N, C-alpha and C. Protein backbone atom coordinates (compact mmCIF):
# COMPACT_ATOMS: atom_id res chain seq x y z
N UNK A 1 -8.31 11.80 -13.67
CA UNK A 1 -7.11 10.98 -13.96
C UNK A 1 -6.06 11.50 -13.46
N UNK A 2 -5.06 10.71 -12.76
CA UNK A 2 -3.76 11.10 -12.60
C UNK A 2 -2.60 11.45 -13.69
N UNK A 3 -1.82 12.28 -13.38
CA UNK A 3 -0.83 12.55 -14.31
C UNK A 3 0.39 12.10 -13.72
N UNK A 4 1.70 11.88 -14.71
CA UNK A 4 2.96 11.16 -14.43
C UNK A 4 3.54 12.31 -14.65
N UNK A 5 4.79 12.71 -13.79
CA UNK A 5 5.70 13.75 -14.34
C UNK A 5 7.02 12.92 -14.67
N UNK A 6 7.70 13.26 -15.68
CA UNK A 6 8.99 12.70 -15.93
C UNK A 6 10.15 13.69 -15.48
N UNK A 7 11.24 13.00 -14.77
CA UNK A 7 12.17 13.76 -14.44
C UNK A 7 13.67 13.12 -14.83
N UNK A 8 14.78 13.80 -14.91
CA UNK A 8 15.81 13.17 -15.46
C UNK A 8 16.63 12.58 -14.38
N UNK A 9 16.85 11.32 -14.48
CA UNK A 9 17.77 10.75 -13.49
C UNK A 9 19.23 11.04 -13.49
N UNK A 10 19.98 11.24 -12.44
CA UNK A 10 21.09 11.70 -12.43
C UNK A 10 22.23 10.76 -12.60
N UNK A 11 22.14 9.37 -12.91
CA UNK A 11 23.09 8.31 -12.83
C UNK A 11 22.73 7.76 -14.45
N UNK A 12 23.87 7.05 -14.56
CA UNK A 12 23.69 6.09 -15.80
C UNK A 12 23.35 4.51 -15.30
N UNK A 13 23.12 3.65 -16.31
CA UNK A 13 22.81 2.37 -15.97
C UNK A 13 23.73 1.47 -15.49
N UNK A 14 25.14 1.72 -15.46
CA UNK A 14 26.31 1.03 -15.23
C UNK A 14 26.85 0.76 -16.10
N UNK A 15 26.51 0.71 -17.51
CA UNK A 15 26.95 0.57 -19.01
C UNK A 15 27.46 1.67 -19.63
N UNK A 16 27.40 2.77 -18.82
CA UNK A 16 27.72 3.92 -19.86
C UNK A 16 26.43 4.79 -20.42
N UNK A 17 25.32 4.08 -20.48
CA UNK A 17 24.15 4.79 -21.15
C UNK A 17 23.44 5.41 -20.15
N UNK A 18 22.92 6.31 -20.56
CA UNK A 18 22.42 7.43 -19.37
C UNK A 18 20.83 6.39 -19.05
N UNK A 19 20.47 6.74 -17.76
CA UNK A 19 19.28 6.13 -17.18
C UNK A 19 18.00 6.75 -17.65
N UNK A 20 17.12 6.06 -18.08
CA UNK A 20 15.72 6.41 -18.42
C UNK A 20 15.11 7.51 -17.48
N UNK A 21 14.33 8.22 -18.05
CA UNK A 21 13.68 9.47 -16.99
C UNK A 21 12.81 8.74 -16.05
N UNK A 22 13.10 9.34 -14.62
CA UNK A 22 12.22 8.45 -13.46
C UNK A 22 10.73 9.17 -13.56
N UNK A 23 10.04 8.41 -13.49
CA UNK A 23 8.51 8.67 -13.30
C UNK A 23 7.93 9.20 -11.99
N UNK A 24 7.65 10.13 -11.59
CA UNK A 24 7.15 10.53 -10.46
C UNK A 24 5.63 10.82 -10.57
N UNK A 25 4.84 9.90 -9.59
CA UNK A 25 3.51 10.05 -9.66
C UNK A 25 2.86 10.85 -8.65
N UNK A 26 1.85 11.62 -9.28
CA UNK A 26 1.02 12.38 -8.01
C UNK A 26 0.17 11.75 -6.82
N UNK A 27 0.26 10.51 -7.01
CA UNK A 27 -0.40 9.84 -5.87
C UNK A 27 0.60 8.69 -5.12
N UNK A 28 0.21 8.08 -4.10
CA UNK A 28 1.13 7.29 -3.49
C UNK A 28 0.36 6.17 -2.99
N UNK A 29 0.71 4.98 -2.95
CA UNK A 29 0.10 3.84 -2.60
C UNK A 29 1.02 3.25 -1.47
N UNK A 30 0.70 3.11 -0.04
CA UNK A 30 1.42 3.07 0.94
C UNK A 30 0.90 1.76 1.98
N UNK A 31 1.44 0.94 2.56
CA UNK A 31 1.38 0.20 3.45
C UNK A 31 2.13 0.18 4.67
N UNK A 32 1.21 0.18 5.91
CA UNK A 32 1.89 0.54 7.05
C UNK A 32 1.87 -0.59 7.73
N UNK A 33 2.83 -1.34 8.44
CA UNK A 33 2.81 -2.69 8.99
C UNK A 33 3.25 -2.30 10.82
N UNK A 34 2.59 -2.78 11.55
CA UNK A 34 2.96 -3.11 13.03
C UNK A 34 4.45 -3.49 13.12
N UNK A 35 5.15 -3.01 13.96
CA UNK A 35 6.67 -3.55 13.45
C UNK A 35 6.96 -4.95 14.45
N UNK A 36 5.88 -5.41 15.15
CA UNK A 36 6.32 -6.63 15.73
C UNK A 36 5.74 -7.70 15.05
N UNK A 37 5.28 -7.80 14.09
CA UNK A 37 4.94 -8.82 13.13
C UNK A 37 5.93 -9.77 12.78
N UNK A 38 5.57 -11.08 12.72
CA UNK A 38 6.56 -12.03 12.00
C UNK A 38 6.62 -11.78 10.58
N UNK A 39 7.81 -12.34 10.11
CA UNK A 39 7.64 -12.09 8.44
C UNK A 39 6.73 -12.70 7.77
N UNK A 40 6.24 -13.86 8.01
CA UNK A 40 5.02 -14.57 7.47
C UNK A 40 3.90 -13.66 7.38
N UNK A 41 3.82 -12.67 8.74
CA UNK A 41 2.62 -11.92 8.77
C UNK A 41 2.76 -10.78 8.17
N UNK A 42 3.91 -10.35 8.03
CA UNK A 42 4.04 -8.90 6.89
C UNK A 42 3.73 -9.26 5.85
N UNK A 43 4.05 -10.22 5.24
CA UNK A 43 3.64 -10.77 3.65
C UNK A 43 2.40 -10.77 3.45
N UNK A 44 1.55 -11.48 4.43
CA UNK A 44 0.23 -11.78 4.32
C UNK A 44 -0.53 -10.78 4.42
N UNK A 45 -0.18 -9.95 5.31
CA UNK A 45 -0.95 -8.50 5.79
C UNK A 45 -0.81 -7.62 4.48
N UNK A 46 0.30 -7.56 3.98
CA UNK A 46 0.84 -6.57 2.95
C UNK A 46 -0.18 -7.06 1.52
N UNK A 47 0.04 -8.52 1.37
CA UNK A 47 -0.86 -8.90 0.11
C UNK A 47 -2.41 -8.75 0.36
N UNK A 48 -2.88 -8.85 1.64
CA UNK A 48 -4.22 -8.49 1.83
C UNK A 48 -4.80 -7.22 1.78
N UNK A 49 -3.82 -6.35 2.32
CA UNK A 49 -4.31 -4.87 2.27
C UNK A 49 -4.46 -4.31 0.99
N UNK A 50 -3.23 -4.75 -0.06
CA UNK A 50 -3.45 -4.01 -1.13
C UNK A 50 -4.41 -4.76 -2.32
N UNK A 51 -4.87 -5.77 -1.69
CA UNK A 51 -5.66 -6.57 -2.81
C UNK A 51 -7.05 -6.03 -3.29
N UNK A 52 -7.70 -5.24 -2.61
CA UNK A 52 -8.87 -4.53 -2.98
C UNK A 52 -8.45 -3.14 -3.81
N UNK A 53 -7.34 -2.59 -3.89
CA UNK A 53 -7.13 -1.18 -4.29
C UNK A 53 -7.28 -1.24 -5.87
N UNK A 54 -7.11 -2.39 -6.58
CA UNK A 54 -7.32 -2.28 -7.89
C UNK A 54 -8.72 -2.09 -8.11
N UNK A 55 -9.55 -2.92 -7.56
CA UNK A 55 -11.18 -2.93 -7.97
C UNK A 55 -11.74 -1.65 -7.40
N UNK A 56 -11.05 -0.84 -6.58
CA UNK A 56 -11.85 0.27 -5.83
C UNK A 56 -11.67 1.48 -6.72
N UNK A 57 -10.00 1.42 -7.21
CA UNK A 57 -9.50 2.32 -7.91
C UNK A 57 -8.64 1.97 -9.05
N UNK A 58 -9.25 1.52 -10.23
CA UNK A 58 -8.91 0.96 -11.23
C UNK A 58 -7.59 1.65 -12.20
N UNK A 59 -7.73 3.07 -11.61
CA UNK A 59 -6.30 3.87 -12.42
C UNK A 59 -5.23 3.44 -11.79
N UNK A 60 -5.19 2.74 -10.61
CA UNK A 60 -3.98 2.51 -10.10
C UNK A 60 -3.21 1.15 -10.89
N UNK A 61 -4.16 0.44 -11.69
CA UNK A 61 -3.67 -0.83 -12.20
C UNK A 61 -3.12 -0.33 -13.87
N UNK A 62 -2.07 -0.89 -14.22
CA UNK A 62 -1.45 -0.82 -15.29
C UNK A 62 -2.05 -1.81 -16.47
N UNK A 63 -1.41 -2.13 -17.56
CA UNK A 63 -1.82 -2.91 -18.91
C UNK A 63 -1.47 -4.31 -18.51
N UNK A 64 -1.94 -5.44 -18.89
CA UNK A 64 -1.47 -6.77 -18.97
C UNK A 64 -0.11 -6.96 -19.39
N UNK A 65 0.48 -7.77 -18.83
CA UNK A 65 2.15 -8.16 -19.44
C UNK A 65 1.67 -9.21 -20.41
N UNK A 66 2.89 -9.32 -20.95
CA UNK A 66 3.23 -10.49 -21.66
C UNK A 66 4.62 -10.88 -22.24
N UNK A 67 5.03 -12.07 -22.01
CA UNK A 67 6.61 -12.29 -22.31
C UNK A 67 6.51 -12.46 -24.01
N UNK A 68 7.84 -12.46 -24.43
CA UNK A 68 8.57 -12.65 -25.73
C UNK A 68 7.51 -13.77 -26.51
N UNK A 69 7.15 -14.75 -25.93
CA UNK A 69 6.48 -15.89 -26.40
C UNK A 69 4.84 -15.53 -26.60
N UNK A 70 4.59 -14.47 -26.22
CA UNK A 70 3.01 -14.28 -26.25
C UNK A 70 2.25 -14.68 -25.09
N UNK A 71 2.78 -15.23 -24.13
CA UNK A 71 2.35 -15.75 -22.84
C UNK A 71 1.57 -14.40 -22.03
N UNK A 72 0.40 -14.56 -21.87
CA UNK A 72 -0.45 -13.44 -21.35
C UNK A 72 -0.27 -13.38 -19.64
N UNK A 73 0.21 -12.31 -19.08
CA UNK A 73 0.06 -12.33 -17.61
C UNK A 73 -0.92 -11.16 -17.02
N UNK A 74 -1.38 -11.26 -15.71
CA UNK A 74 -2.19 -10.11 -15.61
C UNK A 74 -1.37 -9.10 -15.24
N UNK A 75 -2.40 -7.68 -15.07
CA UNK A 75 -1.58 -6.63 -14.95
C UNK A 75 -1.23 -6.38 -13.64
N UNK A 76 -0.47 -5.34 -13.01
CA UNK A 76 -0.18 -4.97 -11.81
C UNK A 76 -0.20 -3.69 -11.58
N UNK A 77 -0.17 -3.10 -10.37
CA UNK A 77 0.12 -1.62 -10.09
C UNK A 77 0.79 -1.06 -11.14
N UNK A 78 0.61 0.13 -11.47
CA UNK A 78 1.41 1.18 -12.43
C UNK A 78 2.38 1.83 -11.68
N UNK A 79 2.45 1.67 -10.33
CA UNK A 79 3.01 2.60 -9.60
C UNK A 79 3.64 1.88 -8.48
N UNK A 80 4.50 2.10 -7.92
CA UNK A 80 5.28 1.42 -6.40
C UNK A 80 4.50 1.33 -5.34
N UNK A 81 4.34 0.28 -4.70
CA UNK A 81 3.79 0.31 -3.23
C UNK A 81 5.01 0.65 -2.20
N UNK A 82 4.91 1.48 -1.38
CA UNK A 82 5.75 1.73 -0.44
C UNK A 82 5.52 1.32 0.67
N UNK A 83 6.25 0.37 1.33
CA UNK A 83 5.76 -0.29 2.81
C UNK A 83 6.74 0.45 3.88
N UNK A 84 5.92 0.46 4.88
CA UNK A 84 6.66 1.01 6.25
C UNK A 84 6.24 0.35 7.45
N UNK A 85 6.71 0.58 8.45
CA UNK A 85 6.63 -0.03 9.63
C UNK A 85 6.71 1.23 10.68
N UNK A 86 5.87 0.52 12.09
CA UNK A 86 5.78 1.54 12.96
C UNK A 86 5.17 0.68 14.25
N UNK A 87 5.08 1.39 15.35
CA UNK A 87 4.61 0.84 16.62
C UNK A 87 2.96 0.85 16.36
N UNK A 88 2.43 0.25 17.23
CA UNK A 88 1.04 0.16 17.30
C UNK A 88 0.29 1.66 17.60
N UNK A 89 1.13 2.57 18.44
CA UNK A 89 0.64 3.91 18.48
C UNK A 89 0.76 4.68 17.17
N UNK A 90 1.66 4.57 16.18
CA UNK A 90 2.22 4.99 15.12
C UNK A 90 0.95 4.65 14.14
N UNK A 91 0.67 3.43 14.16
CA UNK A 91 -0.58 2.70 13.32
C UNK A 91 -1.79 3.51 13.66
N UNK A 92 -1.96 3.49 14.76
CA UNK A 92 -3.40 4.09 15.33
C UNK A 92 -3.71 5.52 14.96
N UNK A 93 -2.40 6.39 14.86
CA UNK A 93 -2.43 7.52 14.80
C UNK A 93 -2.60 7.85 12.92
N UNK A 94 -1.72 6.88 12.39
CA UNK A 94 -1.94 7.20 10.89
C UNK A 94 -3.59 6.44 10.58
N UNK A 95 -4.25 5.87 11.05
CA UNK A 95 -5.64 5.32 10.77
C UNK A 95 -6.59 6.42 11.33
N UNK A 96 -6.14 6.90 12.25
CA UNK A 96 -6.97 8.51 12.49
C UNK A 96 -6.82 9.53 11.66
N UNK A 97 -5.63 9.76 11.10
CA UNK A 97 -5.50 10.65 9.99
C UNK A 97 -6.10 10.44 8.75
N UNK A 98 -5.87 9.19 8.39
CA UNK A 98 -6.30 8.92 6.99
C UNK A 98 -8.02 8.96 7.03
N UNK A 99 -8.40 8.38 8.27
CA UNK A 99 -9.80 8.63 8.20
C UNK A 99 -10.43 10.12 8.10
N UNK A 100 -9.53 11.02 8.90
CA UNK A 100 -9.71 12.44 8.92
C UNK A 100 -9.75 13.40 7.51
N UNK A 101 -8.82 12.66 6.68
CA UNK A 101 -8.75 13.07 5.41
C UNK A 101 -9.37 12.45 4.34
N UNK A 102 -10.47 11.43 4.72
CA UNK A 102 -11.16 10.66 3.86
C UNK A 102 -10.29 10.25 2.94
N UNK A 103 -9.17 9.16 2.91
CA UNK A 103 -8.29 8.77 2.16
C UNK A 103 -8.89 7.65 1.82
N UNK A 104 -9.05 6.75 0.94
CA UNK A 104 -9.09 5.47 0.58
C UNK A 104 -8.21 4.33 1.70
N UNK A 105 -8.50 3.55 2.41
CA UNK A 105 -7.96 2.95 3.44
C UNK A 105 -8.48 1.46 3.63
N UNK A 106 -7.43 0.63 3.87
CA UNK A 106 -7.77 -0.85 3.79
C UNK A 106 -7.39 -1.11 5.22
N UNK A 107 -7.74 -2.10 6.08
CA UNK A 107 -7.33 -2.40 7.34
C UNK A 107 -7.01 -4.08 7.67
N UNK A 108 -6.11 -4.30 8.47
CA UNK A 108 -6.07 -5.64 8.73
C UNK A 108 -5.73 -5.45 10.39
N UNK A 109 -6.75 -6.28 11.05
CA UNK A 109 -6.57 -6.43 12.55
C UNK A 109 -5.97 -7.55 12.81
N UNK A 110 -5.72 -7.73 14.13
CA UNK A 110 -5.03 -9.15 14.88
C UNK A 110 -5.90 -10.31 14.94
N UNK A 111 -7.36 -9.91 15.12
CA UNK A 111 -8.54 -11.08 14.63
C UNK A 111 -8.32 -11.78 13.33
N UNK A 112 -7.92 -11.16 12.34
CA UNK A 112 -7.94 -11.52 10.99
C UNK A 112 -6.98 -12.72 10.92
N UNK A 113 -5.92 -12.85 11.89
CA UNK A 113 -5.05 -14.33 11.77
C UNK A 113 -5.82 -15.36 12.12
N UNK A 114 -6.91 -15.19 12.95
CA UNK A 114 -7.72 -16.37 13.10
C UNK A 114 -8.94 -16.96 12.23
N UNK A 115 -9.09 -15.76 11.53
CA UNK A 115 -10.32 -16.20 10.53
C UNK A 115 -9.70 -16.84 9.31
N UNK A 116 -10.90 -17.56 8.42
CA UNK A 116 -10.25 -18.32 7.09
C UNK A 116 -10.85 -17.72 5.93
N UNK A 117 -11.66 -16.70 6.18
CA UNK A 117 -12.52 -16.46 4.87
C UNK A 117 -13.12 -14.99 5.16
N UNK A 118 -13.26 -14.60 3.77
CA UNK A 118 -13.65 -13.11 3.61
C UNK A 118 -14.87 -12.66 4.54
N UNK A 119 -16.08 -13.57 4.42
CA UNK A 119 -16.97 -13.29 5.49
C UNK A 119 -17.01 -13.08 7.10
N UNK A 120 -15.89 -14.05 7.28
CA UNK A 120 -15.41 -13.83 8.87
C UNK A 120 -14.39 -12.76 8.92
N UNK A 121 -13.87 -12.34 7.80
CA UNK A 121 -12.69 -11.20 8.16
C UNK A 121 -13.51 -10.00 8.24
N UNK A 122 -14.76 -9.67 7.30
CA UNK A 122 -15.30 -8.54 7.56
C UNK A 122 -16.10 -8.48 8.92
N UNK A 123 -16.73 -9.55 9.08
CA UNK A 123 -17.52 -9.68 10.42
C UNK A 123 -16.58 -9.24 11.92
N UNK A 124 -15.35 -9.99 11.71
CA UNK A 124 -14.54 -9.36 12.79
C UNK A 124 -14.27 -7.93 12.74
N UNK A 125 -13.91 -7.23 11.58
CA UNK A 125 -14.07 -5.87 11.62
C UNK A 125 -15.25 -5.13 12.17
N UNK A 126 -16.10 -5.61 11.57
CA UNK A 126 -17.45 -5.00 11.88
C UNK A 126 -17.92 -5.02 13.28
N UNK A 127 -17.15 -5.91 14.08
CA UNK A 127 -17.60 -6.11 15.46
C UNK A 127 -17.18 -5.10 16.53
N UNK A 128 -16.02 -4.35 15.84
CA UNK A 128 -15.26 -3.45 16.68
C UNK A 128 -15.23 -1.98 16.34
N UNK A 129 -15.48 -0.97 17.01
CA UNK A 129 -15.40 0.28 16.68
C UNK A 129 -14.28 0.70 16.35
N UNK A 130 -14.18 1.96 15.40
CA UNK A 130 -12.80 2.17 14.53
C UNK A 130 -11.84 2.53 15.44
N UNK A 131 -12.06 3.13 16.66
CA UNK A 131 -11.07 3.69 17.53
C UNK A 131 -10.25 2.40 18.51
N UNK A 132 -11.24 1.42 18.48
CA UNK A 132 -10.65 0.17 19.12
C UNK A 132 -10.24 -0.98 18.28
N UNK A 133 -9.95 -0.83 16.96
CA UNK A 133 -9.53 -1.86 16.12
C UNK A 133 -8.26 -2.10 16.98
N UNK A 134 -7.71 -3.52 16.70
CA UNK A 134 -6.13 -3.80 17.07
C UNK A 134 -5.61 -3.97 15.73
N UNK A 135 -5.22 -2.94 15.44
CA UNK A 135 -4.44 -2.71 13.77
C UNK A 135 -3.08 -3.29 13.79
N UNK A 136 -2.81 -4.10 12.77
CA UNK A 136 -1.64 -4.65 12.77
C UNK A 136 -1.21 -4.33 11.32
N UNK A 137 -1.96 -3.64 10.40
CA UNK A 137 -1.47 -2.96 9.15
C UNK A 137 -2.39 -2.22 8.60
N UNK A 138 -2.31 -1.17 7.79
CA UNK A 138 -3.21 -0.52 6.99
C UNK A 138 -2.53 -0.38 5.65
N UNK A 139 -3.35 -0.01 4.42
CA UNK A 139 -2.73 0.58 3.20
C UNK A 139 -3.78 1.63 2.77
N UNK A 140 -2.96 2.47 2.28
CA UNK A 140 -3.82 4.08 1.86
C UNK A 140 -3.31 4.40 0.61
N UNK A 141 -4.21 4.89 -0.06
CA UNK A 141 -3.84 5.54 -1.35
C UNK A 141 -4.35 7.03 -1.58
N UNK A 142 -3.64 7.86 -2.01
CA UNK A 142 -4.09 9.23 -2.34
C UNK A 142 -3.18 10.06 -2.69
N UNK A 143 -3.18 11.39 -2.75
CA UNK A 143 -2.18 12.55 -3.17
C UNK A 143 -1.27 12.19 -2.33
N UNK A 144 0.23 12.36 -2.86
CA UNK A 144 1.39 11.98 -2.27
C UNK A 144 1.65 13.00 -0.95
N UNK A 145 1.24 14.15 -0.74
CA UNK A 145 1.51 15.12 0.32
C UNK A 145 0.51 14.49 1.35
N UNK A 146 -0.77 13.94 0.96
CA UNK A 146 -1.91 13.68 1.97
C UNK A 146 -1.34 12.29 2.65
N UNK A 147 -0.81 11.40 1.60
CA UNK A 147 -0.32 10.22 2.30
C UNK A 147 0.78 10.48 3.30
N UNK A 148 1.98 11.12 2.88
CA UNK A 148 3.00 11.46 3.68
C UNK A 148 2.42 12.30 4.88
N UNK A 149 1.50 12.71 5.09
CA UNK A 149 1.28 13.43 6.29
C UNK A 149 0.44 12.08 7.27
N UNK A 150 -0.47 11.31 6.72
CA UNK A 150 -0.85 10.21 7.18
C UNK A 150 0.32 9.20 7.95
N UNK A 151 1.45 9.08 7.08
CA UNK A 151 2.29 8.14 7.77
C UNK A 151 3.35 8.97 8.61
N UNK A 152 3.26 10.04 9.14
CA UNK A 152 4.09 10.62 9.80
C UNK A 152 4.38 9.88 10.93
N UNK A 153 5.49 9.66 11.38
CA UNK A 153 6.24 8.80 12.69
C UNK A 153 6.36 7.33 12.17
N UNK A 154 5.94 7.05 10.91
CA UNK A 154 6.32 5.66 10.37
C UNK A 154 7.74 5.92 9.80
N UNK A 155 8.50 4.43 9.45
CA UNK A 155 9.75 4.47 8.73
C UNK A 155 9.67 3.25 7.78
N UNK A 156 10.29 3.56 6.83
CA UNK A 156 10.44 2.83 5.61
C UNK A 156 10.75 1.26 6.19
N UNK A 157 9.97 0.36 5.86
CA UNK A 157 10.20 -1.19 5.98
C UNK A 157 11.73 -1.59 5.83
N UNK A 158 12.45 -2.15 6.50
CA UNK A 158 13.94 -2.59 6.32
C UNK A 158 13.81 -3.51 5.10
């Protein structure tokens, strides 16, 4: 199980009260998108890429939410999802590094924009060797340093 490390923030909240301690996670959830995607594609790809992470790695999911009226809401990730962008080449290199490090990985290929269901999505990925996938996005989860090395050459999404 992962541990969290608290550290003191250096600023206040704007009203003179000290900021709560920041939480630093030992792991990182990151999405890398190809830089030439349309806005709707970036949003769609990001949603699909992270959708399986909680079922494969339940420790990334926090507790359910509730509002003051007691209305229940689904849980969300307990840590931030960082979104990066890069060229097709950066994406290919990140894919190779993630596979080499055996990190949990999800992929979204350009073919998936023309399919309409999970069966067809999986068949489209299965039809192409790993090194020839036309990647438009990937998500990776693992130790912070390992994920940082996978994302070498990528930049934070604007």
